[in-house]
Amino acid sequence: MVQITVKIDGMMCGMCEAHINDAVRRAFPVKKVTSSHRKGEAVILTEADIDETALRNAIGATGYRVLSVVRGPYEKKGLFR
């Protein structure tokens, strides 16, 4: 599983988070997506990698600006791995 962390400029509230989450879910087959306007980021968990240009375009179409995209393997955190 791949974890993609996207830094986003322009999110101000919970509705902004929902717009980002909906745009990502509509454009890609993801397992989970969570956004935080306080952190200014969205975290995407997916089985297959997502093309960065397509991701930037999907988020950009909602009116927000992608600042950076960081990929890494997803490591489940917690007591029971």
N, C-alpha and C. Protein backbone atom coordinates (compact mmCIF):
# COMPACT_ATOMS: atom_id res chain seq x y z
N MET A 1 0.85 -1.17 0.00
CA MET A 1 0.00 0.00 0.00
C MET A 1 0.90 1.24 0.00
N VAL A 2 0.45 2.28 -0.69
CA VAL A 2 1.20 3.52 -0.83
C VAL A 2 0.49 4.65 -0.07
N GLN A 3 1.27 5.44 0.66
CA GLN A 3 0.73 6.63 1.32
C GLN A 3 1.26 7.85 0.58
N ILE A 4 0.34 8.70 0.14
CA ILE A 4 0.71 9.91 -0.58
C ILE A 4 0.26 11.10 0.27
N THR A 5 1.20 11.96 0.64
CA THR A 5 0.89 13.16 1.41
C THR A 5 1.01 14.36 0.48
N VAL A 6 -0.08 15.11 0.38
CA VAL A 6 -0.16 16.24 -0.55
C VAL A 6 -0.32 17.52 0.26
N LYS A 7 0.63 18.43 0.15
CA LYS A 7 0.52 19.74 0.78
C LYS A 7 -0.33 20.62 -0.15
N ILE A 8 -1.35 21.26 0.42
CA ILE A 8 -2.33 22.01 -0.36
C ILE A 8 -2.48 23.42 0.20
N ASP A 9 -2.50 24.40 -0.68
CA ASP A 9 -2.70 25.79 -0.30
C ASP A 9 -4.14 26.19 -0.59
N GLY A 10 -4.78 26.88 0.34
CA GLY A 10 -6.10 27.43 0.09
C GLY A 10 -7.22 26.83 0.90
N MET A 11 -6.98 25.75 1.64
CA MET A 11 -8.04 25.17 2.46
C MET A 11 -8.25 26.02 3.71
N MET A 12 -9.50 26.36 4.00
CA MET A 12 -9.80 27.23 5.14
C MET A 12 -10.74 26.61 6.17
N CYS A 13 -11.47 25.53 5.79
CA CYS A 13 -12.50 25.00 6.69
C CYS A 13 -12.78 23.53 6.38
N GLY A 14 -13.73 22.97 7.09
CA GLY A 14 -14.12 21.59 6.89
C GLY A 14 -14.71 21.32 5.52
N MET A 15 -15.41 22.28 4.96
CA MET A 15 -15.97 22.09 3.61
C MET A 15 -14.86 22.02 2.58
N CYS A 16 -13.80 22.76 2.78
CA CYS A 16 -12.64 22.68 1.88
C CYS A 16 -12.06 21.27 1.91
N GLU A 17 -11.96 20.70 3.11
CA GLU A 17 -11.47 19.34 3.25
C GLU A 17 -12.37 18.36 2.48
N ALA A 18 -13.69 18.55 2.61
CA ALA A 18 -14.64 17.68 1.92
C ALA A 18 -14.51 17.80 0.41
N HIS A 19 -14.29 19.00 -0.10
CA HIS A 19 -14.11 19.19 -1.55
C HIS A 19 -12.89 18.42 -2.05
N ILE A 20 -11.79 18.50 -1.32
CA ILE A 20 -10.57 17.79 -1.69
C ILE A 20 -10.82 16.28 -1.65
N ASN A 21 -11.41 15.79 -0.56
CA ASN A 21 -11.67 14.35 -0.42
C ASN A 21 -12.56 13.83 -1.55
N ASP A 22 -13.62 14.56 -1.86
CA ASP A 22 -14.53 14.15 -2.93
C ASP A 22 -13.84 14.13 -4.28
N ALA A 23 -13.02 15.14 -4.55
CA ALA A 23 -12.32 15.21 -5.84
C ALA A 23 -11.36 14.03 -6.01
N VAL A 24 -10.66 13.68 -4.94
CA VAL A 24 -9.72 12.56 -5.01
C VAL A 24 -10.47 11.24 -5.17
N ARG A 25 -11.55 11.07 -4.41
CA ARG A 25 -12.34 9.82 -4.52
C ARG A 25 -12.96 9.65 -5.90
N ARG A 26 -13.42 10.75 -6.50
CA ARG A 26 -14.01 10.67 -7.84
C ARG A 26 -12.99 10.33 -8.91
N ALA A 27 -11.76 10.81 -8.74
CA ALA A 27 -10.75 10.67 -9.79
C ALA A 27 -9.93 9.38 -9.69
N PHE A 28 -9.81 8.82 -8.48
CA PHE A 28 -8.90 7.68 -8.29
C PHE A 28 -9.52 6.62 -7.39
N PRO A 29 -9.12 5.35 -7.59
CA PRO A 29 -9.60 4.27 -6.71
C PRO A 29 -8.74 4.21 -5.44
N VAL A 30 -9.10 4.96 -4.42
CA VAL A 30 -8.30 5.03 -3.20
C VAL A 30 -8.96 4.22 -2.09
N LYS A 31 -8.14 3.78 -1.15
CA LYS A 31 -8.66 3.07 0.03
C LYS A 31 -9.17 4.07 1.06
N LYS A 32 -8.41 5.18 1.24
CA LYS A 32 -8.78 6.18 2.23
C LYS A 32 -8.16 7.52 1.86
N VAL A 33 -8.89 8.59 2.12
CA VAL A 33 -8.34 9.93 1.94
C VAL A 33 -8.84 10.80 3.10
N THR A 34 -7.92 11.50 3.74
CA THR A 34 -8.28 12.43 4.81
C THR A 34 -7.54 13.74 4.57
N SER A 35 -8.24 14.84 4.80
CA SER A 35 -7.65 16.16 4.61
C SER A 35 -7.74 16.95 5.91
N SER A 36 -6.80 17.87 6.08
CA SER A 36 -6.80 18.75 7.26
C SER A 36 -6.47 20.16 6.81
N HIS A 37 -7.42 21.08 7.02
CA HIS A 37 -7.14 22.47 6.65
C HIS A 37 -6.14 23.09 7.61
N ARG A 38 -6.10 22.61 8.85
CA ARG A 38 -5.13 23.13 9.82
C ARG A 38 -3.69 22.78 9.42
N LYS A 39 -3.49 21.54 8.98
CA LYS A 39 -2.16 21.11 8.54
C LYS A 39 -1.88 21.51 7.11
N GLY A 40 -2.94 21.80 6.34
CA GLY A 40 -2.77 22.15 4.94
C GLY A 40 -2.33 20.96 4.10
N GLU A 41 -2.90 19.79 4.41
CA GLU A 41 -2.49 18.61 3.67
C GLU A 41 -3.62 17.60 3.55
N ALA A 42 -3.45 16.70 2.58
CA ALA A 42 -4.33 15.56 2.41
C ALA A 42 -3.44 14.31 2.41
N VAL A 43 -3.92 13.25 3.06
CA VAL A 43 -3.19 11.99 3.09
C VAL A 43 -4.05 10.94 2.38
N ILE A 44 -3.46 10.31 1.37
CA ILE A 44 -4.18 9.35 0.54
C ILE A 44 -3.53 7.98 0.71
N LEU A 45 -4.35 6.95 0.96
CA LEU A 45 -3.88 5.58 1.00
C LEU A 45 -4.47 4.85 -0.20
N THR A 46 -3.60 4.20 -0.96
CA THR A 46 -4.04 3.53 -2.18
C THR A 46 -3.21 2.28 -2.44
N GLU A 47 -3.81 1.33 -3.11
CA GLU A 47 -3.09 0.09 -3.48
C GLU A 47 -2.10 0.37 -4.61
N ALA A 48 -2.55 1.12 -5.62
CA ALA A 48 -1.71 1.43 -6.78
C ALA A 48 -1.28 2.90 -6.72
N ASP A 49 -0.10 3.17 -7.21
CA ASP A 49 0.39 4.55 -7.21
C ASP A 49 -0.48 5.43 -8.11
N ILE A 50 -0.54 6.70 -7.79
CA ILE A 50 -1.33 7.68 -8.55
C ILE A 50 -0.37 8.61 -9.27
N ASP A 51 -0.66 8.88 -10.53
CA ASP A 51 0.16 9.80 -11.32
C ASP A 51 0.09 11.20 -10.71
N GLU A 52 1.26 11.80 -10.47
CA GLU A 52 1.31 13.11 -9.81
C GLU A 52 0.62 14.20 -10.62
N THR A 53 0.80 14.19 -11.92
CA THR A 53 0.16 15.21 -12.76
C THR A 53 -1.35 15.10 -12.70
N ALA A 54 -1.87 13.88 -12.76
CA ALA A 54 -3.32 13.67 -12.67
C ALA A 54 -3.85 14.10 -11.31
N LEU A 55 -3.08 13.82 -10.26
CA LEU A 55 -3.49 14.22 -8.91
C LEU A 55 -3.51 15.74 -8.78
N ARG A 56 -2.47 16.40 -9.28
CA ARG A 56 -2.42 17.87 -9.26
C ARG A 56 -3.60 18.46 -10.04
N ASN A 57 -3.93 17.88 -11.18
CA ASN A 57 -5.04 18.37 -12.00
C ASN A 57 -6.38 18.18 -11.30
N ALA A 58 -6.58 17.02 -10.67
CA ALA A 58 -7.85 16.75 -9.97
C ALA A 58 -8.06 17.72 -8.82
N ILE A 59 -7.01 17.98 -8.05
CA ILE A 59 -7.13 18.91 -6.92
C ILE A 59 -7.19 20.35 -7.43
N GLY A 60 -6.40 20.67 -8.44
CA GLY A 60 -6.40 22.02 -9.01
C GLY A 60 -7.75 22.41 -9.59
N ALA A 61 -8.49 21.43 -10.10
CA ALA A 61 -9.82 21.70 -10.68
C ALA A 61 -10.81 22.17 -9.62
N THR A 62 -10.54 21.90 -8.34
CA THR A 62 -11.43 22.35 -7.27
C THR A 62 -11.10 23.76 -6.80
N GLY A 63 -10.00 24.33 -7.31
CA GLY A 63 -9.65 25.70 -6.95
C GLY A 63 -8.53 25.80 -5.92
N TYR A 64 -7.98 24.68 -5.50
CA TYR A 64 -6.88 24.68 -4.53
C TYR A 64 -5.57 24.42 -5.26
N ARG A 65 -4.47 24.79 -4.64
CA ARG A 65 -3.16 24.64 -5.28
C ARG A 65 -2.31 23.61 -4.54
N VAL A 66 -1.78 22.65 -5.29
CA VAL A 66 -0.91 21.63 -4.72
C VAL A 66 0.50 22.21 -4.61
N LEU A 67 1.06 22.16 -3.40
CA LEU A 67 2.40 22.67 -3.17
C LEU A 67 3.45 21.58 -3.32
N SER A 68 3.15 20.38 -2.80
CA SER A 68 4.10 19.27 -2.91
C SER A 68 3.37 17.94 -2.78
N VAL A 69 4.02 16.90 -3.31
CA VAL A 69 3.50 15.54 -3.24
C VAL A 69 4.64 14.63 -2.77
N VAL A 70 4.40 13.91 -1.67
CA VAL A 70 5.41 13.01 -1.11
C VAL A 70 4.81 11.61 -1.03
N ARG A 71 5.55 10.63 -1.58
CA ARG A 71 5.10 9.25 -1.56
C ARG A 71 5.96 8.42 -0.62
N GLY A 72 5.35 7.38 -0.09
CA GLY A 72 6.10 6.46 0.74
C GLY A 72 5.27 5.22 1.01
N PRO A 73 5.91 4.16 1.47
CA PRO A 73 5.15 2.96 1.81
C PRO A 73 4.31 3.23 3.07
N TYR A 74 3.11 2.67 3.08
CA TYR A 74 2.23 2.86 4.23
C TYR A 74 2.61 1.85 5.31
N GLU A 75 2.84 2.36 6.51
CA GLU A 75 3.13 1.49 7.64
C GLU A 75 2.07 1.72 8.69
N LYS A 76 1.33 0.65 8.96
CA LYS A 76 0.26 0.75 9.94
C LYS A 76 0.85 1.03 11.31
N LYS A 77 0.30 2.01 12.01
CA LYS A 77 0.77 2.37 13.33
C LYS A 77 -0.18 1.79 14.37
N GLY A 78 0.33 1.55 15.53
CA GLY A 78 -0.52 1.07 16.60
C GLY A 78 0.09 -0.13 17.32
N LEU A 79 -0.63 -0.63 18.28
CA LEU A 79 -0.18 -1.72 19.10
C LEU A 79 -0.12 -3.04 18.34
N PHE A 80 -1.14 -3.30 17.55
CA PHE A 80 -1.25 -4.57 16.84
C PHE A 80 -0.98 -4.37 15.37
N ARG A 81 0.16 -4.79 14.89
CA ARG A 81 0.53 -4.59 13.50
C ARG A 81 0.06 -5.71 12.65
